[in-house]
Each structure stands twice: as structure tokens, then as C-alpha cells.
Amino acid sequence: MLRFSTLLQCKANVTLGFGRRLIRLYSFNCLIALFPTSAMWKNLLSLLLLSSSMGMLTQSAIATPFSNQRVDDRRFVLVASPFGVRKRSYQLLIVEQIPGRRRCWQEYGSSPTQVDPLLLSFDFTHSCKRMTDSNGYSVRVGNEDLGWRFMLSLVRRNNQLVLVANSARERNVSMEIGRTQGVLDDYLKIELDPGWSLTRRTYNGRALDHIYLTGDPQVVSIPTSSQRPIGSTPSSLPPVDEEIIIQPVPSQEGNRQPPNNDLPPLPPPPPQRRIP
């Protein structure tokens, strides 16, 4: 049986000057008090409150975008890291030097500049940070985070390795970000093209380990494609003149020849021999 006195008290609490979350908490406690003897109703209301809280957290996370801040370029090196035996390929490696700690790499030569990854010869936990995939780095142009759209890779072009951001959903949509200025079977330094720099991802003002390869929107433009994205469906049917019309083959019933009944009959089967 409902307690109307408690219901009136709930209304009074709601009309007070509490914040939005406190109002929901008070309303929940009041609803629990309305059904003091029903455990089923209490469990149901608890589940509803939990789902509502999770929804608020999800919306808050989506509504708060990542930002970025400049870094000291002298503490970073972009490396074309070789892998593979039969067919030599390269992947992007970003190394960050922690100030005042053991040296993480050494450079020598030019065109291309070779990199000696010193961090591979000792425990670099407190000396170096290493980013090897999209969990550690991504592409950004201005204030737009493009990690969801572009994937980074190294390709051979004009006798050098070029760092390219390729669209995962659009054909022939890419951006060149840097290059090694030569090719050797070794760890090679990647020089960023004009308009590109390194920044660090931040969340609510707190710096994270994730590194952006950031393009200046005054120099770098985000490419677009007029082609249909891979995996999407066409918005309309093709015009009539492009349709393939298949016509049925006319029936041959009128041209069928009647069976020939003038053929000689088959010979009778041979007599069966009886075994005595």
C-alpha cells in the first residue's frame, strides 16, 4: 500500500534547491520508501538508477573531447623500424626521452639518418617511452582528431620511405607526413614535412602519453574523396541505360521434332539356360 505522506514529503524534497544529481538521489530514496515491503520493486528501482548513472557517465565522456599541447621536439625521435626476413618492411616507432635519464637513442649519418636504438640494450622503463601502434600515436589536423579515420604506415616512394596517413574507408585518400630521405636496411630517422609537428594528447588539462602527429590547418588540408566509401551502399539505383536487362530465351516447343516411330524394334533377350 502506498504511503501518501511519504509521497508528499518526496515532492517537498524535489522542490528544494538541490543539484540535479541530489534531486535524483532523493527521488530514489523516496521511491524506495513508497514500497517498504516489496524487495522486487527495490531491486528494479536499483537497476534503473544504475543504468541511468551509466548513461550519464557515457554522455559525459563523449561530450568531453581530447585536446593537445606542444612538446619539446628534442625529446622525441620518429623511427622507421625494420621487420621481416624475406620481404623487408618498416613500421613507425616513436621514442620519447625522459629528461635526466639514460640515453634512449643515438643518431649518425645523413640522407638517410640512421638511428641506434640504445633502449633495446637495457631496461628502459624509467628512461624511455616507446609508442609502436595506434594506441600510442595518431593523426590530428588543427582541433580535429583523425585517429578514427586515418591509419599510419610507411611506404617506399622515390628511393625513400614516406610516412603516410591512409584512410581506412575511402579509396585513394591519404596524406604524406614525413620521409627518411633515403633507404637503408637499418633503423632510419623520419623527418616531418613542413606543416607537421608532434603534440601530446590531453584530457581535461591532464597530459597523456598518446602522441599526435599534428598538421597545421593553415598548411595541411584534410583530403576528401568523391568516391563512395568502402563497404557503404549506393544511395540510388543506376540509370536505366546502365541497367543490364536479361530477356528470356524464346520457347522451342513449336520447332520440336516429333519422335521417329519407324525405328526397328529391339531384338528379344536370349533364352535363359537352366542348370540341371
Protein backbone atom coordinates (compact mmCIF):
# COMPACT_ATOMS: atom_id res chain seq x y z
CA MET A 1 0.00 0.00 0.00
CA LEU A 2 1.40 3.40 -0.96
CA ARG A 3 2.36 5.84 1.76
CA PHE A 4 0.87 9.17 0.67
CA SER A 5 2.59 11.05 3.47
CA THR A 6 5.96 9.90 2.14
CA LEU A 7 4.93 10.83 -1.39
CA LEU A 8 4.13 14.38 -0.23
CA GLN A 9 7.49 14.53 1.51
CA CYS A 10 9.22 13.45 -1.72
CA LYS A 11 7.60 16.29 -3.62
CA ALA A 12 8.77 18.73 -0.97
CA ASN A 13 12.34 17.46 -1.25
CA VAL A 14 12.32 17.73 -5.05
CA THR A 15 11.20 21.33 -4.97
CA LEU A 16 14.13 22.34 -2.77
CA GLY A 17 17.25 23.88 -4.25
CA PHE A 18 19.37 20.73 -4.60
CA GLY A 19 21.59 19.99 -7.60
CA ARG A 20 20.39 17.66 -10.34
CA ARG A 21 22.16 14.58 -9.01
CA LEU A 22 20.96 15.17 -5.44
CA ILE A 23 17.40 15.54 -6.70
CA ARG A 24 17.66 12.11 -8.41
CA LEU A 25 19.10 10.58 -5.23
CA TYR A 26 16.35 11.97 -3.06
CA SER A 27 13.70 10.83 -5.53
CA PHE A 28 15.15 7.31 -5.50
CA ASN A 29 15.15 7.11 -1.70
CA CYS A 30 11.60 8.32 -1.62
CA LEU A 31 10.50 5.74 -4.18
CA ILE A 32 12.14 3.02 -2.11
CA ALA A 33 10.21 4.26 0.91
CA LEU A 34 6.94 4.01 -1.02
CA PHE A 35 7.32 0.21 -1.24
CA PRO A 36 8.86 -0.82 2.09
CA THR A 37 7.71 -4.44 1.92
CA SER A 38 8.44 -5.26 -1.74
CA ALA A 39 12.01 -6.47 -2.41
CA MET A 40 11.22 -6.89 -6.11
CA TRP A 41 10.37 -3.20 -6.54
CA LYS A 42 13.51 -2.17 -4.65
CA ASN A 43 15.72 -4.31 -6.92
CA LEU A 44 14.01 -2.96 -10.01
CA LEU A 45 14.48 0.66 -8.95
CA SER A 46 18.13 -0.05 -8.12
CA LEU A 47 18.73 -1.36 -11.64
CA LEU A 48 17.02 1.66 -13.16
CA LEU A 49 19.20 4.02 -11.12
CA LEU A 50 22.38 2.14 -12.11
CA SER A 51 21.54 2.27 -15.83
CA SER A 52 20.72 5.98 -15.58
CA SER A 53 24.08 6.67 -13.91
CA MET A 54 25.97 4.72 -16.60
CA GLY A 55 24.16 6.68 -19.30
CA MET A 56 25.18 9.99 -17.71
CA LEU A 57 28.81 8.85 -17.50
CA THR A 58 28.82 7.78 -21.16
CA GLN A 59 27.32 11.06 -22.35
CA SER A 60 29.82 13.00 -20.25
CA ALA A 61 32.75 11.07 -21.77
CA ILE A 62 31.51 11.66 -25.31
CA ALA A 63 30.85 15.34 -24.71
CA THR A 64 34.42 15.95 -23.43
CA PRO A 65 36.83 15.83 -26.39
CA PHE A 66 40.57 15.35 -26.23
CA SER A 67 42.82 18.35 -26.68
CA ASN A 68 46.57 18.64 -27.25
CA GLN A 69 49.65 20.61 -26.28
CA ARG A 70 53.06 21.22 -27.80
CA VAL A 71 56.06 19.09 -26.81
CA ASP A 72 59.83 19.56 -26.88
CA ASP A 73 60.82 18.02 -30.22
CA ARG A 74 64.34 17.35 -28.92
CA ARG A 75 62.96 14.67 -26.61
CA PHE A 76 61.39 12.67 -29.46
CA VAL A 77 62.54 10.73 -32.49
CA LEU A 78 60.40 9.16 -35.22
CA VAL A 79 61.95 5.92 -36.44
CA ALA A 80 61.29 3.67 -39.42
CA SER A 81 61.75 0.33 -37.66
CA PRO A 82 62.57 -2.62 -39.99
CA PHE A 83 60.95 -6.03 -39.65
CA GLY A 84 60.55 -9.14 -41.78
CA VAL A 85 63.12 -11.51 -43.25
CA ARG A 86 62.27 -12.42 -46.85
CA LYS A 87 60.49 -9.14 -47.59
CA ARG A 88 61.81 -6.17 -45.63
CA SER A 89 59.13 -3.81 -44.35
CA TYR A 90 59.06 -0.89 -41.92
CA GLN A 91 56.75 0.35 -39.21
CA LEU A 92 56.56 3.63 -37.30
CA LEU A 93 58.24 3.77 -33.89
CA ILE A 94 58.19 6.90 -31.70
CA VAL A 95 60.66 7.11 -28.82
CA GLU A 96 60.50 9.73 -26.06
CA GLN A 97 63.49 10.55 -23.87
CA ILE A 98 62.75 11.14 -20.19
CA PRO A 99 64.92 14.08 -19.08
CA GLY A 100 67.88 13.28 -16.82
CA ARG A 101 67.75 9.55 -17.58
CA ARG A 102 69.85 7.15 -19.60
CA ARG A 103 70.08 7.98 -23.29
CA CYS A 104 67.49 6.19 -25.46
CA TRP A 105 68.97 6.54 -28.97
CA GLN A 106 71.86 7.88 -30.98
CA GLU A 107 71.86 9.34 -34.50
CA TYR A 108 74.56 9.17 -37.14
CA GLY A 109 74.90 9.71 -40.88
CA SER A 110 72.65 11.73 -43.17
CA SER A 111 70.29 11.17 -46.11
CA PRO A 112 69.13 8.95 -44.53
CA THR A 113 69.94 9.49 -40.85
CA GLN A 114 70.45 6.17 -39.10
CA VAL A 115 69.23 5.59 -35.54
CA ASP A 116 70.90 3.33 -33.00
CA PRO A 117 68.06 2.27 -30.62
CA LEU A 118 70.07 2.19 -27.39
CA LEU A 119 66.92 1.47 -25.37
CA LEU A 120 66.94 -2.11 -26.71
CA SER A 121 70.13 -2.86 -24.79
CA PHE A 122 68.88 -2.06 -21.26
CA ASP A 123 65.75 -1.83 -19.13
CA PHE A 124 64.34 1.47 -20.34
CA THR A 125 61.29 1.52 -18.05
CA HIS A 126 62.28 4.72 -16.25
CA SER A 127 64.35 6.25 -19.07
CA CYS A 128 62.33 6.00 -22.30
CA LYS A 129 58.79 5.80 -23.56
CA ARG A 130 58.06 3.83 -26.71
CA MET A 131 54.98 4.14 -28.96
CA THR A 132 54.62 1.35 -31.50
CA ASP A 133 51.00 1.42 -32.78
CA SER A 134 47.75 3.39 -32.88
CA ASN A 135 47.38 3.06 -29.11
CA GLY A 136 50.39 5.36 -28.74
CA TYR A 137 50.05 7.74 -31.70
CA SER A 138 47.52 9.03 -34.22
CA VAL A 139 46.85 11.87 -36.69
CA ARG A 140 45.37 15.26 -35.87
CA VAL A 141 44.84 18.35 -38.01
CA GLY A 142 44.12 21.53 -36.07
CA ASN A 143 41.44 20.73 -33.50
CA GLU A 144 40.17 17.63 -35.31
CA ASP A 145 41.24 14.22 -34.09
CA LEU A 146 41.53 11.94 -37.15
CA GLY A 147 42.68 8.72 -35.50
CA TRP A 148 39.31 7.12 -36.28
CA ARG A 149 39.73 7.82 -40.00
CA PHE A 150 43.43 7.59 -40.90
CA MET A 151 45.98 4.85 -40.26
CA LEU A 152 49.75 5.45 -40.37
CA SER A 153 52.11 3.34 -42.47
CA LEU A 154 55.50 3.56 -44.20
CA VAL A 155 55.75 3.01 -47.96
CA ARG A 156 58.63 3.13 -50.47
CA ARG A 157 58.46 6.07 -52.86
CA ASN A 158 61.25 7.60 -54.95
CA ASN A 159 64.04 5.71 -53.17
CA GLN A 160 62.92 6.72 -49.68
CA LEU A 161 60.41 5.72 -47.02
CA VAL A 162 57.39 8.00 -46.75
CA LEU A 163 55.17 8.19 -43.66
CA VAL A 164 51.61 8.19 -44.99
CA ALA A 165 48.22 8.51 -43.32
CA ASN A 166 45.76 6.38 -45.31
CA SER A 167 42.00 6.50 -44.94
CA ALA A 168 40.58 3.18 -43.78
CA ARG A 169 37.21 3.75 -45.50
CA GLU A 170 37.95 5.85 -48.59
CA ARG A 171 39.93 4.76 -51.63
CA ASN A 172 42.94 6.83 -52.70
CA VAL A 173 42.64 9.27 -49.77
CA SER A 174 45.96 9.85 -47.98
CA MET A 175 48.31 12.47 -46.56
CA GLU A 176 52.12 12.45 -46.62
CA ILE A 177 53.52 13.39 -43.22
CA GLY A 178 57.28 12.73 -43.32
CA ARG A 179 60.13 10.89 -45.06
CA THR A 180 63.51 9.29 -44.40
CA GLN A 181 65.37 10.92 -47.33
CA GLY A 182 66.84 7.58 -48.37
CA VAL A 183 66.56 3.83 -47.76
CA LEU A 184 68.89 1.50 -45.84
CA ASP A 185 68.38 -1.84 -44.14
CA ASP A 186 68.52 -0.22 -40.71
CA TYR A 187 66.62 1.95 -38.24
CA LEU A 188 66.05 5.28 -40.03
CA LYS A 189 65.00 8.69 -38.75
CA ILE A 190 61.82 10.18 -40.19
CA GLU A 191 61.86 13.92 -40.86
CA LEU A 192 58.44 15.59 -40.68
CA ASP A 193 57.24 17.56 -43.69
CA PRO A 194 56.56 21.32 -43.36
CA GLY A 195 53.31 21.98 -41.52
CA TRP A 196 53.59 18.87 -39.32
CA SER A 197 54.70 18.66 -35.68
CA LEU A 198 54.36 16.49 -32.59
CA THR A 199 51.86 17.29 -29.84
CA ARG A 200 50.69 15.42 -26.77
CA ARG A 201 47.10 14.39 -26.11
CA THR A 202 45.47 15.96 -23.06
CA TYR A 203 42.22 15.18 -21.26
CA ASN A 204 40.69 17.82 -19.00
CA GLY A 205 44.06 19.56 -18.90
CA ARG A 206 45.95 16.40 -17.91
CA ALA A 207 48.79 15.31 -20.23
CA LEU A 208 48.62 11.72 -21.54
CA ASP A 209 51.27 9.50 -23.16
CA HIS A 210 49.47 9.46 -26.51
CA ILE A 211 51.31 11.46 -29.22
CA TYR A 212 49.64 13.27 -32.12
CA LEU A 213 51.24 13.85 -35.49
CA THR A 214 49.57 17.22 -35.84
CA GLY A 215 49.06 19.15 -39.06
CA ASP A 216 48.79 22.92 -39.16
CA PRO A 217 45.40 23.69 -40.78
CA GLN A 218 46.99 26.73 -42.44
CA VAL A 219 49.35 24.42 -44.34
CA VAL A 220 47.74 20.96 -44.27
CA SER A 221 44.28 20.34 -45.66
CA ILE A 222 42.25 17.24 -44.86
CA PRO A 223 41.67 15.38 -48.13
CA THR A 224 38.19 14.45 -49.28
CA SER A 225 37.00 11.90 -51.77
CA SER A 226 34.03 11.90 -54.12
CA GLN A 227 34.14 8.13 -54.32
CA ARG A 228 31.78 6.02 -52.30
CA PRO A 229 33.35 4.77 -49.04
CA ILE A 230 34.30 1.12 -48.90
CA GLY A 231 31.50 -1.05 -47.53
CA SER A 232 28.73 1.54 -47.99
CA THR A 233 25.63 1.04 -50.09
CA PRO A 234 24.64 3.24 -53.05
CA SER A 235 22.02 5.87 -52.32
CA SER A 236 20.10 5.26 -55.56
CA LEU A 237 19.78 2.74 -58.35
CA PRO A 238 21.82 3.19 -61.55
CA PRO A 239 20.16 4.95 -64.50
CA VAL A 240 18.13 2.92 -66.95
CA ASP A 241 20.75 2.97 -69.69
CA GLU A 242 23.25 1.32 -67.33
CA GLU A 243 20.98 -1.49 -66.24
CA ILE A 244 21.55 -4.98 -67.59
CA ILE A 245 18.29 -6.38 -68.95
CA ILE A 246 18.14 -10.13 -69.34
CA GLN A 247 15.47 -11.36 -71.74
CA PRO A 248 14.20 -14.95 -71.61
CA VAL A 249 15.09 -17.31 -74.45
CA PRO A 250 12.00 -17.97 -76.67
CA SER A 251 10.41 -21.35 -76.23
CA GLN A 252 11.31 -24.08 -78.74
CA GLU A 253 8.04 -26.00 -78.37
CA GLY A 254 6.89 -25.14 -81.92
CA ASN A 255 10.16 -26.28 -83.51
CA ARG A 256 10.46 -29.57 -81.64
CA GLN A 257 10.65 -32.60 -83.98
CA PRO A 258 8.14 -35.42 -83.40
CA PRO A 259 9.58 -38.73 -82.28
CA ASN A 260 10.55 -41.19 -85.02
CA ASN A 261 8.39 -44.30 -84.66
CA ASP A 262 9.86 -46.02 -87.78
CA LEU A 263 12.94 -47.32 -85.95
CA PRO A 264 13.35 -51.14 -85.93
CA PRO A 265 12.26 -52.91 -82.76
CA LEU A 266 14.86 -54.13 -80.30
CA PRO A 267 15.77 -57.87 -80.52
CA PRO A 268 14.28 -60.18 -77.89
CA PRO A 269 16.50 -61.18 -74.96
CA PRO A 270 18.39 -64.51 -75.24
CA PRO A 271 16.73 -67.56 -73.62
CA GLN A 272 17.87 -68.40 -70.13
CA ARG A 273 19.73 -71.69 -69.65
CA ARG A 274 18.56 -73.99 -66.91
CA ILE A 275 21.15 -75.71 -64.75
CA PRO A 276 20.28 -79.48 -64.40
